[in-house]
Amino acid sequence: MMRDPKRQTKCARMAAAKSTLFSFLSLSFFLFSSGVVEASVSSDAATTIEMHGSGTTNPSKYFWKAMDILEERAGKPVRMTYRAVGSGTGQTEFIADVSDFGSADIPLSSTQHSGFAGTVVQVPFQLGAVSFFHNVAADDLGVAGRLNLTSCTLAKIFLRQITTWDHATIVADNPNLSVPAGQPITIIHRSDGSSSTFGITSYLSKACPDVWTGGVSKNADLFPPDATYALPRQGSGNVANAIAENQYSIGYIDAGHGHELGFQEISLENKFGQQLVSKEANIPKAATEYGTLPSIEDDWSMVSLINLDGEDVWPITAFTYIYARTTLTGEVGRLVKSFMMYCLSDEGQAMVPDFLFYALDSTTTASMRMQVESKIALTTWTFELASATQPTDGMGADVFSGKRKSYGDYERELLVSKVDVLESSVANLQSMESIPVHGSGTTNPSKFFWKLMDTLEERSRIHLSMSYRAVGSSTGIKEFVGADNGYEPYSHFGSGDIVVPTADYTDLNNAGKGFVTIPFQLGAISFFHNVPGVPDGKALDLQPCVLAKIFTRKIKTWDHADILSSNPGFSPPAGKENTVVRRIY
């Protein structure tokens, strides 16, 4: 028999009533026994504390994550936001007092700083690099696979004095470059106030002052207005999009952003004389080379990490700063100070590399924490670490507890770990697409190499693309050394029946291009002839001095007395000239 779910038996109704009464009494007891705590929490949590910042795009993702973490861990409601509007706008809004804090990759100017009359601090919390990226097809770059541009060449490109990729100045530094004749260079630069623009104009001004004569600016005023093949863009994201969308373009963004997008970076020469890309540089070393930093309440306008000397130093490096007022008051002021302290904490600094920037060294970090604590006279929130429970204290309203977390954050972490595994799998698959190995050199082992390469290509699970050009030992050495290409090789390996000359060996090692020489076989060289009339079973006997005279054309006929004297029975036609065949390279 079917039972109406809307109806219940008397017993069921009585059981339900008893259960409800028991639950009510239990809840009432819990509320009564904990009523003091609940009232206290409700009183503290009545108002949401809001903190809003703005500034440079570079740390935006870092800030957003840090704010998410702190909002989840807070013992009372907080709301934290950050607008990624560029360093210039961030400074403007901070000076106008419409933001609770500002951030930039450039310090306040001396005039801006003096306007605060000692009521502002500038706190560096990370290091970053700015670089130039291009969208020239890899096939156009040749074997070297990289584009080398000097500071003066870059200055001329952005001033529109060099407008095509096949310009003689570019080709001289990149002899392997093969682009369509007259291919225009499209330049992409920021149209708004930007620390990236400040960084590259500082670099060009210091490294090539004879060409870049306009000085330094965070704005777009130093770029030619209304220039042909120039695309001004607002925000680093739009600059990146424009680089990706326009083949044969060149632009600048923070190096981490460019690498994350898989862009091709331009190789620069640092003040030490090294040709390198930012991935090959030691970015934090620029801060070490600079030396002693000012106090956070002092003028930082003269602090510059641009074009400093030192091995492996990147020429366009900068601190990222948080600006804050020392006159902050109330709950918002406490939240701003606590946010700064989190960015300088061990956890906050450990998170910086996740966003392709660089943490401060431990000494500088400790100094910044101590100064923030002393210069801003407000009580910082308490931080309860996930690894160190603080019983009862951790439940306080003014506590960021690492023991708190949202389920959404847990799910995101789980998703990120799965994406990491997937990306690793994809990378493995991509690595199996094709591995190129191209060599050149002596003709002698060419057939051996070709057979060996055929064998390896057939046996390899990963697709190999292997080739060998039989061009002779001298050409093989020239292509391997790459002296006319900044000692970047044209080949992946070379082969010769002669060793690399001492001068080339020294130059390569001085350029940091160490290599090995590996003998793998023995061979013999001999002289051969096509002369009829030599007695059967006998070789043509030519002494070293006779051979020398033949190849220097002092002996020009086969019936010469020096030849006949060592070859009895040999009777060539009278006056028959000998033809010498030799290599021309």
Protein backbone atom coordinates (compact mmCIF):
# COMPACT_ATOMS: atom_id res chain seq x y z
CA MET A 1 0.00 0.00 0.00
CA MET A 2 1.35 3.44 -0.95
CA ARG A 3 1.85 5.91 1.93
CA ASP A 4 1.27 9.65 1.51
CA PRO A 5 4.58 11.33 2.27
CA LYS A 6 2.71 14.39 3.56
CA ARG A 7 1.19 12.29 6.35
CA GLN A 8 2.89 10.75 9.39
CA THR A 9 1.72 8.25 12.01
CA LYS A 10 1.05 9.37 15.59
CA CYS A 11 4.17 7.58 16.79
CA ALA A 12 6.23 9.24 14.10
CA ARG A 13 4.84 12.66 15.03
CA MET A 14 5.63 12.09 18.70
CA ALA A 15 9.17 10.92 17.89
CA ALA A 16 9.73 13.95 15.72
CA ALA A 17 8.44 16.27 18.46
CA LYS A 18 10.77 14.71 21.03
CA SER A 19 13.72 15.05 18.68
CA THR A 20 12.93 18.70 17.98
CA LEU A 21 12.55 19.48 21.68
CA PHE A 22 15.86 17.78 22.50
CA SER A 23 17.67 19.67 19.74
CA PHE A 24 16.18 22.97 20.90
CA LEU A 25 17.18 22.35 24.50
CA SER A 26 20.73 21.33 23.42
CA LEU A 27 21.08 24.39 21.21
CA SER A 28 19.70 26.64 23.95
CA PHE A 29 22.21 25.21 26.41
CA PHE A 30 25.08 25.74 23.95
CA LEU A 31 23.99 29.29 23.21
CA PHE A 32 23.52 30.03 26.91
CA SER A 33 26.88 28.61 27.88
CA SER A 34 28.67 30.41 25.05
CA GLY A 35 26.59 33.56 24.97
CA VAL A 36 29.42 35.82 26.20
CA VAL A 37 31.74 34.70 23.39
CA GLU A 38 29.07 35.07 20.72
CA ALA A 39 28.21 38.55 21.88
CA SER A 40 31.86 39.56 21.80
CA VAL A 41 32.41 38.21 18.29
CA SER A 42 29.22 39.84 17.01
CA SER A 43 30.26 43.18 18.42
CA ASP A 44 33.71 43.08 16.72
CA ALA A 45 32.38 41.70 13.44
CA ALA A 46 29.57 44.19 12.95
CA THR A 47 31.52 46.40 10.49
CA THR A 48 33.52 45.26 7.45
CA ILE A 49 36.96 46.88 7.33
CA GLU A 50 37.89 47.90 3.78
CA MET A 51 41.34 48.54 2.30
CA HIS A 52 41.86 49.63 -1.31
CA GLY A 53 45.14 50.08 -3.18
CA SER A 54 46.21 50.81 -6.75
CA GLY A 55 49.35 50.97 -8.87
CA THR A 56 51.72 48.91 -10.99
CA THR A 57 50.41 45.90 -12.87
CA ASN A 58 53.43 43.74 -12.09
CA PRO A 59 52.54 42.57 -8.54
CA SER A 60 48.77 42.58 -9.12
CA LYS A 61 48.35 38.79 -9.17
CA TYR A 62 50.56 38.50 -6.08
CA PHE A 63 48.50 41.14 -4.26
CA TRP A 64 45.20 39.51 -5.25
CA LYS A 65 46.32 36.15 -3.90
CA ALA A 66 47.68 37.68 -0.69
CA MET A 67 44.39 39.56 -0.20
CA ASP A 68 42.36 36.39 -0.80
CA ILE A 69 44.43 34.54 1.77
CA LEU A 70 44.10 37.26 4.41
CA GLU A 71 40.34 37.69 3.84
CA GLU A 72 39.85 33.95 4.42
CA ARG A 73 42.04 33.94 7.53
CA ALA A 74 40.64 37.09 9.15
CA GLY A 75 38.80 36.81 12.47
CA LYS A 76 36.39 39.58 11.44
CA PRO A 77 35.10 40.76 8.04
CA VAL A 78 37.64 42.51 5.86
CA ARG A 79 37.49 43.48 2.19
CA MET A 80 40.72 44.17 0.30
CA THR A 81 41.10 45.27 -3.34
CA TYR A 82 43.88 46.33 -5.68
CA ARG A 83 43.47 48.10 -9.04
CA ALA A 84 46.21 47.30 -11.58
CA VAL A 85 46.43 50.70 -13.30
CA GLY A 86 50.16 51.22 -13.81
CA SER A 87 52.80 52.90 -11.64
CA GLY A 88 52.02 56.41 -12.91
CA THR A 89 48.31 56.26 -12.11
CA GLY A 90 49.06 54.52 -8.82
CA GLN A 91 51.32 57.40 -7.78
CA THR A 92 48.71 59.96 -8.85
CA GLU A 93 45.95 58.27 -6.84
CA PHE A 94 48.14 57.80 -3.77
CA ILE A 95 49.24 61.45 -3.79
CA ALA A 96 45.59 62.53 -4.22
CA ASP A 97 44.75 60.41 -1.14
CA VAL A 98 42.07 58.39 -2.91
CA SER A 99 43.78 55.05 -2.15
CA ASP A 100 44.80 53.51 1.17
CA PHE A 101 48.16 52.43 -0.28
CA GLY A 102 49.98 52.68 -3.59
CA SER A 103 52.45 50.46 -5.39
CA ALA A 104 54.98 51.11 -8.15
CA ASP A 105 58.19 49.80 -9.64
CA ILE A 106 59.63 53.30 -9.37
CA PRO A 107 60.11 55.41 -6.23
CA LEU A 108 58.37 58.74 -5.70
CA SER A 109 60.24 61.64 -7.26
CA SER A 110 62.11 63.97 -4.94
CA THR A 111 59.39 66.60 -5.40
CA GLN A 112 56.59 64.10 -4.75
CA HIS A 113 58.36 62.81 -1.65
CA SER A 114 58.98 66.26 -0.18
CA GLY A 115 55.27 67.04 -0.60
CA PHE A 116 54.47 64.50 2.12
CA ALA A 117 56.70 66.32 4.62
CA GLY A 118 58.00 63.11 6.18
CA THR A 119 54.66 61.32 6.42
CA VAL A 120 55.23 58.62 3.80
CA VAL A 121 57.22 55.36 3.65
CA GLN A 122 58.36 53.52 0.53
CA VAL A 123 58.88 49.84 1.22
CA PRO A 124 60.49 47.52 -1.39
CA PHE A 125 59.17 43.95 -1.14
CA GLN A 126 60.29 42.26 -4.38
CA LEU A 127 62.57 42.61 -7.42
CA GLY A 128 61.65 42.32 -11.06
CA ALA A 129 63.16 42.65 -14.53
CA VAL A 130 61.88 44.42 -17.62
CA SER A 131 62.88 43.11 -21.03
CA PHE A 132 62.26 43.50 -24.74
CA PHE A 133 60.36 40.77 -26.59
CA HIS A 134 59.80 40.23 -30.31
CA ASN A 135 57.56 38.34 -32.67
CA VAL A 136 60.03 37.34 -35.40
CA ALA A 137 59.50 33.79 -36.64
CA ALA A 138 62.02 31.28 -35.27
CA ASP A 139 62.83 30.17 -38.82
CA ASP A 140 63.95 33.74 -39.61
CA LEU A 141 66.47 33.70 -36.76
CA GLY A 142 68.63 30.86 -38.11
CA VAL A 143 70.53 28.23 -36.15
CA ALA A 144 71.44 30.58 -33.28
CA GLY A 145 67.75 30.99 -32.46
CA ARG A 146 68.13 34.35 -30.74
CA LEU A 147 68.07 38.02 -31.66
CA ASN A 148 70.91 40.25 -30.44
CA LEU A 149 70.25 44.01 -30.29
CA THR A 150 72.53 46.61 -28.74
CA SER A 151 71.17 49.43 -26.62
CA CYS A 152 71.86 51.91 -29.43
CA THR A 153 70.08 49.72 -31.99
CA LEU A 154 67.06 49.51 -29.67
CA ALA A 155 67.15 53.28 -29.16
CA LYS A 156 67.12 53.84 -32.94
CA ILE A 157 64.26 51.34 -33.39
CA PHE A 158 62.02 53.04 -30.78
CA LEU A 159 62.92 56.48 -32.15
CA ARG A 160 62.00 55.18 -35.66
CA GLN A 161 65.52 55.81 -37.00
CA ILE A 162 65.70 52.10 -37.85
CA THR A 163 62.41 50.92 -39.29
CA THR A 164 63.08 47.57 -41.05
CA TRP A 165 64.38 44.24 -39.80
CA ASP A 166 66.90 43.93 -42.64
CA HIS A 167 68.66 47.18 -41.68
CA ALA A 168 72.43 46.82 -41.96
CA THR A 169 72.94 47.51 -38.23
CA ILE A 170 70.64 44.66 -37.21
CA VAL A 171 72.04 42.23 -39.79
CA ALA A 172 75.62 43.01 -38.67
CA ASP A 173 74.80 41.72 -35.17
CA ASN A 174 72.62 38.87 -36.47
CA PRO A 175 74.24 37.43 -39.63
CA ASN A 176 71.88 34.43 -39.58
CA LEU A 177 68.78 36.63 -39.66
CA SER A 178 66.75 36.02 -42.81
CA VAL A 179 63.64 38.22 -43.03
CA PRO A 180 61.64 39.44 -46.04
CA ALA A 181 63.33 42.38 -47.76
CA GLY A 182 62.20 45.69 -46.30
CA GLN A 183 60.10 44.02 -43.58
CA PRO A 184 58.87 46.85 -41.30
CA ILE A 185 59.46 46.76 -37.53
CA THR A 186 56.28 47.38 -35.54
CA ILE A 187 57.06 48.95 -32.17
CA ILE A 188 54.66 48.49 -29.25
CA HIS A 189 54.96 50.75 -26.22
CA ARG A 190 52.88 51.82 -23.23
CA SER A 191 50.58 54.80 -23.77
CA ASP A 192 49.97 55.36 -20.05
CA GLY A 193 52.35 56.18 -17.20
CA SER A 194 54.37 53.03 -16.60
CA SER A 195 57.34 51.84 -14.59
CA SER A 196 58.22 49.59 -17.54
CA THR A 197 58.60 52.69 -19.73
CA PHE A 198 60.60 54.33 -16.95
CA GLY A 199 62.87 51.25 -16.84
CA ILE A 200 63.60 51.01 -20.56
CA THR A 201 64.08 54.78 -21.01
CA SER A 202 66.47 54.75 -18.02
CA TYR A 203 68.40 51.88 -19.63
CA LEU A 204 68.58 53.50 -23.09
CA SER A 205 69.54 56.85 -21.55
CA LYS A 206 72.40 55.30 -19.56
CA ALA A 207 73.61 52.72 -22.08
CA CYS A 208 73.31 54.85 -25.25
CA PRO A 209 73.07 58.54 -24.32
CA ASP A 210 74.33 59.69 -27.74
CA VAL A 211 71.23 58.28 -29.46
CA TRP A 212 68.61 58.36 -26.69
CA THR A 213 68.96 62.04 -25.82
CA GLY A 214 65.48 62.65 -24.38
CA GLY A 215 66.30 61.37 -20.91
CA VAL A 216 64.01 59.32 -18.68
CA SER A 217 60.21 59.25 -18.48
CA LYS A 218 57.46 57.00 -17.19
CA ASN A 219 55.13 58.45 -19.84
CA ALA A 220 54.96 57.95 -23.62
CA ASP A 221 56.21 61.45 -24.42
CA LEU A 222 59.68 60.29 -25.53
CA PHE A 223 58.33 58.10 -28.34
CA PRO A 224 57.68 59.80 -31.71
CA PRO A 225 53.99 60.74 -31.89
CA ASP A 226 51.88 59.29 -34.71
CA ALA A 227 54.82 57.20 -35.95
CA THR A 228 54.24 54.65 -38.71
CA TYR A 229 54.15 51.04 -37.47
CA ALA A 230 53.86 52.16 -33.83
CA LEU A 231 51.14 50.78 -31.55
CA PRO A 232 50.73 52.56 -28.21
CA ARG A 233 48.81 50.40 -25.73
CA GLN A 234 47.45 50.96 -22.23
CA GLY A 235 48.52 48.42 -19.64
CA SER A 236 51.08 45.64 -19.89
CA GLY A 237 48.36 43.10 -20.74
CA ASN A 238 47.42 45.03 -23.88
CA VAL A 239 51.10 45.44 -24.81
CA ALA A 240 51.53 41.66 -24.51
CA ASN A 241 48.43 41.06 -26.65
CA ALA A 242 49.76 43.41 -29.33
CA ILE A 243 53.14 41.64 -29.43
CA ALA A 244 51.38 38.29 -29.85
CA GLU A 245 49.03 39.58 -32.56
CA ASN A 246 51.56 41.46 -34.72
CA GLN A 247 54.26 39.48 -36.47
CA TYR A 248 57.63 41.25 -36.74
CA SER A 249 56.79 43.44 -33.74
CA ILE A 250 58.91 44.42 -30.75
CA GLY A 251 57.76 45.64 -27.33
CA TYR A 252 58.66 45.66 -23.65
CA ILE A 253 56.99 44.16 -20.57
CA ASP A 254 58.18 42.65 -17.31
CA ALA A 255 60.34 39.64 -18.07
CA GLY A 256 58.30 37.17 -16.04
CA HIS A 257 55.13 38.10 -17.94
CA GLY A 258 56.89 37.60 -21.28
CA HIS A 259 58.30 34.21 -20.30
CA GLU A 260 54.93 33.08 -18.96
CA LEU A 261 53.41 33.84 -22.38
CA GLY A 262 56.23 32.03 -24.21
CA PHE A 263 57.49 35.16 -25.99
CA GLN A 264 60.94 35.32 -27.61
CA GLU A 265 63.27 37.59 -25.66
CA ILE A 266 65.87 39.91 -27.16
CA SER A 267 69.43 39.32 -25.99
CA LEU A 268 70.99 42.45 -24.40
CA GLU A 269 74.56 43.31 -23.47
CA ASN A 270 75.02 44.22 -19.81
CA LYS A 271 77.57 46.70 -18.52
CA PHE A 272 79.92 43.82 -17.68
CA GLY A 273 80.02 43.02 -21.41
CA GLN A 274 77.94 39.82 -21.39
CA GLN A 275 75.32 39.12 -24.07
CA LEU A 276 72.41 37.47 -22.27
CA VAL A 277 68.66 37.19 -21.81
CA SER A 278 67.01 37.72 -18.42
CA LYS A 279 66.65 33.96 -17.78
CA GLU A 280 70.44 33.71 -17.89
CA ALA A 281 70.94 36.64 -15.49
CA ASN A 282 71.08 36.85 -11.70
CA ILE A 283 68.25 39.37 -11.15
CA PRO A 284 68.66 39.92 -7.35
CA LYS A 285 72.38 40.61 -7.81
CA ALA A 286 71.57 44.12 -9.06
CA ALA A 287 70.42 45.04 -5.52
CA THR A 288 73.66 43.64 -4.09
CA GLU A 289 75.71 45.66 -6.58
CA TYR A 290 73.80 48.83 -5.63
CA GLY A 291 74.78 48.65 -1.98
CA THR A 292 73.25 50.39 1.06
CA LEU A 293 69.58 51.37 0.76
CA PRO A 294 67.96 54.47 2.34
CA SER A 295 65.57 54.27 5.30
CA ILE A 296 61.97 53.73 4.24
CA GLU A 297 60.90 57.28 5.24
CA ASP A 298 63.73 58.87 3.20
CA ASP A 299 63.85 59.99 -0.44
CA TRP A 300 64.42 56.95 -2.72
CA SER A 301 64.37 58.88 -6.01
CA MET A 302 68.09 58.31 -6.61
CA VAL A 303 67.89 54.54 -6.04
CA SER A 304 68.33 52.88 -9.44
CA LEU A 305 69.23 49.31 -10.33
CA ILE A 306 69.52 50.18 -14.05
CA ASN A 307 72.66 49.20 -16.04
CA LEU A 308 74.79 48.35 -13.00
CA ASP A 309 78.13 46.63 -13.44
CA GLY A 310 78.78 43.05 -12.41
CA GLU A 311 78.85 39.58 -13.90
CA ASP A 312 75.39 38.15 -14.72
CA VAL A 313 73.67 41.41 -13.68
CA TRP A 314 70.50 42.21 -15.67
CA PRO A 315 70.59 45.82 -16.97
CA ILE A 316 66.86 46.63 -16.44
CA THR A 317 66.06 45.63 -12.85
CA ALA A 318 63.84 47.39 -10.31
CA PHE A 319 62.34 47.10 -6.85
CA THR A 320 58.57 47.01 -6.46
CA TYR A 321 57.47 49.37 -3.66
CA ILE A 322 54.44 49.75 -1.41
CA TYR A 323 53.71 53.39 -0.52
CA ALA A 324 51.92 54.08 2.77
CA ARG A 325 51.32 57.08 5.00
CA THR A 326 52.73 57.13 8.52
CA THR A 327 49.65 59.15 9.52
CA LEU A 328 47.32 56.17 8.98
CA THR A 329 44.79 55.71 11.76
CA GLY A 330 42.06 53.35 12.89
CA GLU A 331 41.20 49.90 11.60
CA VAL A 332 42.06 50.71 7.98
CA GLY A 333 45.53 51.89 9.01
CA ARG A 334 46.08 48.70 11.01
CA LEU A 335 44.99 46.62 8.03
CA VAL A 336 47.37 48.41 5.65
CA LYS A 337 50.29 47.88 8.05
CA SER A 338 49.34 44.22 8.55
CA PHE A 339 49.14 43.71 4.78
CA MET A 340 52.64 45.17 4.37
CA MET A 341 53.97 42.92 7.13
CA TYR A 342 52.43 39.88 5.42
CA CYS A 343 54.17 40.77 2.13
CA LEU A 344 57.46 40.92 4.07
CA SER A 345 56.79 37.73 6.08
CA ASP A 346 58.50 34.43 5.34
CA GLU A 347 55.27 33.15 3.80
CA GLY A 348 54.73 36.29 1.74
CA GLN A 349 58.29 36.33 0.43
CA ALA A 350 58.18 32.60 -0.38
CA MET A 351 55.14 33.29 -2.56
CA VAL A 352 56.88 35.97 -4.72
CA PRO A 353 58.66 33.53 -7.11
CA ASP A 354 55.29 31.91 -7.93
CA PHE A 355 54.56 35.07 -9.91
CA LEU A 356 57.96 35.11 -11.68
CA PHE A 357 59.46 37.86 -9.53
CA TYR A 358 62.28 37.70 -6.99
CA ALA A 359 62.18 37.91 -3.19
CA LEU A 360 64.41 40.26 -1.21
CA ASP A 361 67.47 38.82 0.50
CA SER A 362 66.94 37.87 4.14
CA THR A 363 68.92 40.84 5.54
CA THR A 364 66.94 43.41 3.54
CA THR A 365 63.64 41.71 4.42
CA ALA A 366 64.44 41.79 8.15
CA SER A 367 65.38 45.47 7.90
CA MET A 368 62.12 46.34 6.09
CA ARG A 369 60.01 44.50 8.71
CA MET A 370 61.74 46.31 11.56
CA GLN A 371 61.34 49.71 9.92
CA VAL A 372 57.65 49.21 9.06
CA GLU A 373 56.99 48.13 12.64
CA SER A 374 58.69 51.23 14.05
CA LYS A 375 57.68 53.91 11.52
CA ILE A 376 53.92 53.19 11.46
CA ALA A 377 52.69 53.52 15.03
CA LEU A 378 49.74 51.15 14.85
CA THR A 379 49.21 47.68 16.27
CA THR A 380 49.58 44.96 13.66
CA TRP A 381 47.11 42.10 13.50
CA THR A 382 48.35 38.79 14.93
CA PHE A 383 49.38 36.06 12.49
CA GLU A 384 48.67 32.46 13.49
CA LEU A 385 50.66 30.11 11.30
CA ALA A 386 49.12 26.90 9.98
CA SER A 387 52.06 25.08 11.58
CA ALA A 388 51.78 26.71 15.02
CA THR A 389 48.39 26.75 16.73
CA GLN A 390 47.77 29.54 19.25
CA PRO A 391 44.98 28.16 21.50
CA THR A 392 42.28 30.73 22.36
CA ASP A 393 44.43 33.59 21.01
CA GLY A 394 43.94 32.24 17.50
CA MET A 395 40.19 32.79 17.85
CA GLY A 396 40.69 36.51 18.42
CA ALA A 397 39.02 38.97 16.07
CA ASP A 398 42.29 40.70 15.09
CA VAL A 399 43.97 37.48 14.00
CA PHE A 400 44.85 36.18 10.54
CA SER A 401 44.76 32.44 11.24
CA GLY A 402 46.48 29.99 8.95
CA LYS A 403 44.11 27.41 10.39
CA ARG A 404 41.23 29.04 8.50
CA LYS A 405 40.65 28.37 4.82
CA SER A 406 37.71 28.43 2.44
CA TYR A 407 36.66 25.26 0.69
CA GLY A 408 36.91 27.16 -2.62
CA ASP A 409 40.59 27.78 -1.93
CA TYR A 410 41.10 24.10 -1.13
CA GLU A 411 39.44 23.17 -4.43
CA ARG A 412 41.61 25.69 -6.31
CA GLU A 413 44.77 24.22 -4.81
CA LEU A 414 43.59 20.77 -5.84
CA LEU A 415 42.84 22.02 -9.34
CA VAL A 416 46.25 23.71 -9.60
CA SER A 417 48.02 20.47 -8.67
CA LYS A 418 46.06 18.60 -11.33
CA VAL A 419 46.85 21.28 -13.92
CA ASP A 420 50.55 21.03 -13.01
CA VAL A 421 50.45 17.28 -13.69
CA LEU A 422 48.61 17.90 -16.98
CA GLU A 423 51.09 20.59 -18.06
CA SER A 424 53.96 18.23 -17.29
CA SER A 425 52.36 15.55 -19.46
CA VAL A 426 51.80 18.01 -22.28
CA ALA A 427 55.41 19.18 -22.02
CA ASN A 428 56.59 15.58 -22.31
CA LEU A 429 54.44 15.09 -25.40
CA GLN A 430 55.73 18.31 -26.93
CA SER A 431 59.31 17.27 -26.26
CA MET A 432 58.60 14.20 -28.36
CA GLU A 433 57.61 16.25 -31.42
CA SER A 434 61.10 16.68 -32.86
CA ILE A 435 64.61 17.23 -31.59
CA PRO A 436 66.89 18.91 -34.16
CA VAL A 437 70.60 18.02 -34.34
CA HIS A 438 72.54 19.67 -37.17
CA GLY A 439 76.27 19.54 -37.72
CA SER A 440 78.84 20.43 -40.35
CA GLY A 441 82.50 19.90 -41.10
CA THR A 442 84.98 17.55 -42.72
CA THR A 443 83.87 15.41 -45.64
CA ASN A 444 85.78 12.32 -44.49
CA PRO A 445 83.26 10.95 -41.93
CA SER A 446 80.19 12.22 -43.77
CA LYS A 447 78.96 8.81 -44.94
CA PHE A 448 79.55 7.39 -41.47
CA PHE A 449 77.57 10.27 -39.91
CA TRP A 450 74.71 9.92 -42.39
CA LYS A 451 74.40 6.20 -41.70
CA LEU A 452 74.66 6.74 -37.95
CA MET A 453 71.98 9.45 -38.06
CA ASP A 454 69.69 7.22 -40.12
CA THR A 455 70.16 4.46 -37.57
CA LEU A 456 69.44 6.71 -34.58
CA GLU A 457 66.39 8.28 -36.21
CA GLU A 458 64.96 4.82 -36.90
CA ARG A 459 65.64 3.53 -33.39
CA SER A 460 64.53 6.59 -31.44
CA ARG A 461 61.11 6.66 -29.86
CA ILE A 462 61.26 10.48 -29.99
CA HIS A 463 61.32 12.02 -33.46
CA LEU A 464 64.83 13.19 -34.33
CA SER A 465 65.73 15.54 -37.17
CA MET A 466 69.43 15.02 -37.79
CA SER A 467 71.62 16.30 -40.60
CA TYR A 468 75.29 16.77 -41.45
CA ARG A 469 76.73 19.12 -44.09
CA ALA A 470 79.97 17.88 -45.62
CA VAL A 471 81.68 21.25 -46.15
CA GLY A 472 85.26 20.62 -45.08
CA SER A 473 87.10 21.01 -41.78
CA SER A 474 87.77 24.76 -42.07
CA THR A 475 84.17 25.68 -42.85
CA GLY A 476 82.98 23.32 -40.12
CA ILE A 477 85.21 25.07 -37.58
CA LYS A 478 84.07 28.51 -38.76
CA GLU A 479 80.39 27.57 -38.42
CA PHE A 480 80.94 25.96 -35.02
CA VAL A 481 82.96 28.86 -33.57
CA GLY A 482 80.56 31.55 -34.87
CA ALA A 483 83.09 34.37 -34.42
CA ASP A 484 81.06 36.64 -36.74
CA ASN A 485 77.89 35.83 -34.78
CA GLY A 486 78.99 36.87 -31.30
CA TYR A 487 80.42 33.37 -30.80
CA GLU A 488 76.97 31.85 -31.16
CA PRO A 489 77.39 28.66 -33.25
CA TYR A 490 75.62 28.14 -36.55
CA SER A 491 75.66 24.38 -35.89
CA HIS A 492 74.93 22.09 -32.96
CA PHE A 493 78.26 20.32 -33.44
CA GLY A 494 81.24 20.48 -35.74
CA SER A 495 83.69 17.92 -37.06
CA GLY A 496 87.17 18.27 -38.46
CA ASP A 497 90.39 16.41 -39.15
CA ILE A 498 92.16 19.38 -37.59
CA VAL A 499 91.64 20.89 -34.15
CA VAL A 500 90.13 24.29 -33.42
CA PRO A 501 92.92 26.89 -33.67
CA THR A 502 94.37 28.26 -30.42
CA ALA A 503 93.06 31.77 -31.09
CA ASP A 504 89.48 30.51 -31.58
CA TYR A 505 89.79 28.25 -28.53
CA THR A 506 90.85 31.23 -26.38
CA ASP A 507 88.15 33.54 -27.76
CA LEU A 508 85.40 30.97 -27.20
CA ASN A 509 86.40 30.37 -23.59
CA ASN A 510 86.71 34.10 -22.93
CA ALA A 511 83.17 34.46 -24.23
CA GLY A 512 81.99 31.81 -21.77
CA LYS A 513 81.44 29.26 -24.57
CA GLY A 514 83.40 26.27 -23.33
CA PHE A 515 83.47 23.16 -25.54
CA VAL A 516 85.07 19.74 -25.82
CA THR A 517 87.16 18.13 -28.56
CA ILE A 518 86.54 14.38 -28.92
CA PRO A 519 88.54 12.17 -31.31
CA PHE A 520 86.42 9.27 -32.56
CA GLN A 521 88.31 7.70 -35.51
CA LEU A 522 91.63 7.59 -37.35
CA GLY A 523 92.12 8.22 -41.02
CA ALA A 524 94.88 8.61 -43.59
CA ILE A 525 95.39 11.12 -46.39
CA SER A 526 97.29 10.29 -49.53
CA PHE A 527 98.08 11.49 -53.05
CA PHE A 528 96.40 9.82 -56.03
CA HIS A 529 97.00 10.11 -59.77
CA ASN A 530 95.47 9.29 -63.10
CA VAL A 531 98.61 8.68 -65.12
CA PRO A 532 98.71 5.80 -67.65
CA GLY A 533 101.94 3.98 -68.41
CA VAL A 534 103.03 3.22 -64.85
CA PRO A 535 104.59 -0.32 -64.80
CA ASP A 536 102.14 -2.98 -63.57
CA GLY A 537 102.23 -3.66 -59.85
CA LYS A 538 104.21 -0.59 -59.06
CA ALA A 539 103.19 2.68 -57.43
CA LEU A 540 104.32 6.01 -58.76
CA ASP A 541 107.23 6.98 -56.52
CA LEU A 542 107.31 10.71 -55.74
CA GLN A 543 109.55 12.08 -53.04
CA PRO A 544 108.20 14.83 -50.68
CA CYS A 545 110.35 17.49 -52.36
CA VAL A 546 109.14 16.43 -55.81
CA LEU A 547 105.51 16.64 -54.64
CA ALA A 548 106.20 20.08 -53.19
CA LYS A 549 107.62 21.23 -56.55
CA ILE A 550 104.63 19.82 -58.45
CA PHE A 551 102.07 21.58 -56.18
CA THR A 552 104.02 24.84 -56.33
CA ARG A 553 104.24 24.45 -60.13
CA LYS A 554 108.01 24.25 -60.25
CA ILE A 555 107.63 20.87 -61.93
CA LYS A 556 104.94 21.04 -64.61
CA THR A 557 105.54 17.95 -66.81
CA TRP A 558 105.54 14.22 -66.14
CA ASP A 559 108.84 13.66 -68.00
CA HIS A 560 110.73 15.93 -65.65
CA ALA A 561 114.12 14.44 -64.69
CA ASP A 562 113.28 14.40 -60.92
CA ILE A 563 110.21 12.21 -61.62
CA LEU A 564 111.92 9.85 -64.08
CA SER A 565 114.95 9.29 -61.80
CA SER A 566 112.80 7.69 -59.09
CA ASN A 567 110.52 5.75 -61.45
CA PRO A 568 112.61 3.53 -63.79
CA GLY A 569 110.56 2.09 -66.65
CA PHE A 570 108.07 5.00 -66.54
CA SER A 571 107.91 6.71 -69.96
CA PRO A 572 105.17 9.35 -70.23
CA PRO A 573 104.62 11.31 -73.48
CA ALA A 574 107.26 13.99 -74.00
CA GLY A 575 106.28 17.31 -72.41
CA LYS A 576 102.99 15.95 -71.03
CA GLU A 577 101.81 18.47 -68.44
CA ASN A 578 100.63 17.37 -65.02
CA THR A 579 97.30 18.73 -63.79
CA VAL A 580 97.07 19.51 -60.08
CA VAL A 581 93.68 19.11 -58.34
CA ARG A 582 93.40 20.61 -54.85
CA ARG A 583 90.86 21.99 -52.39
CA ILE A 584 89.93 25.67 -52.73
CA TYR A 585 88.57 26.07 -49.18
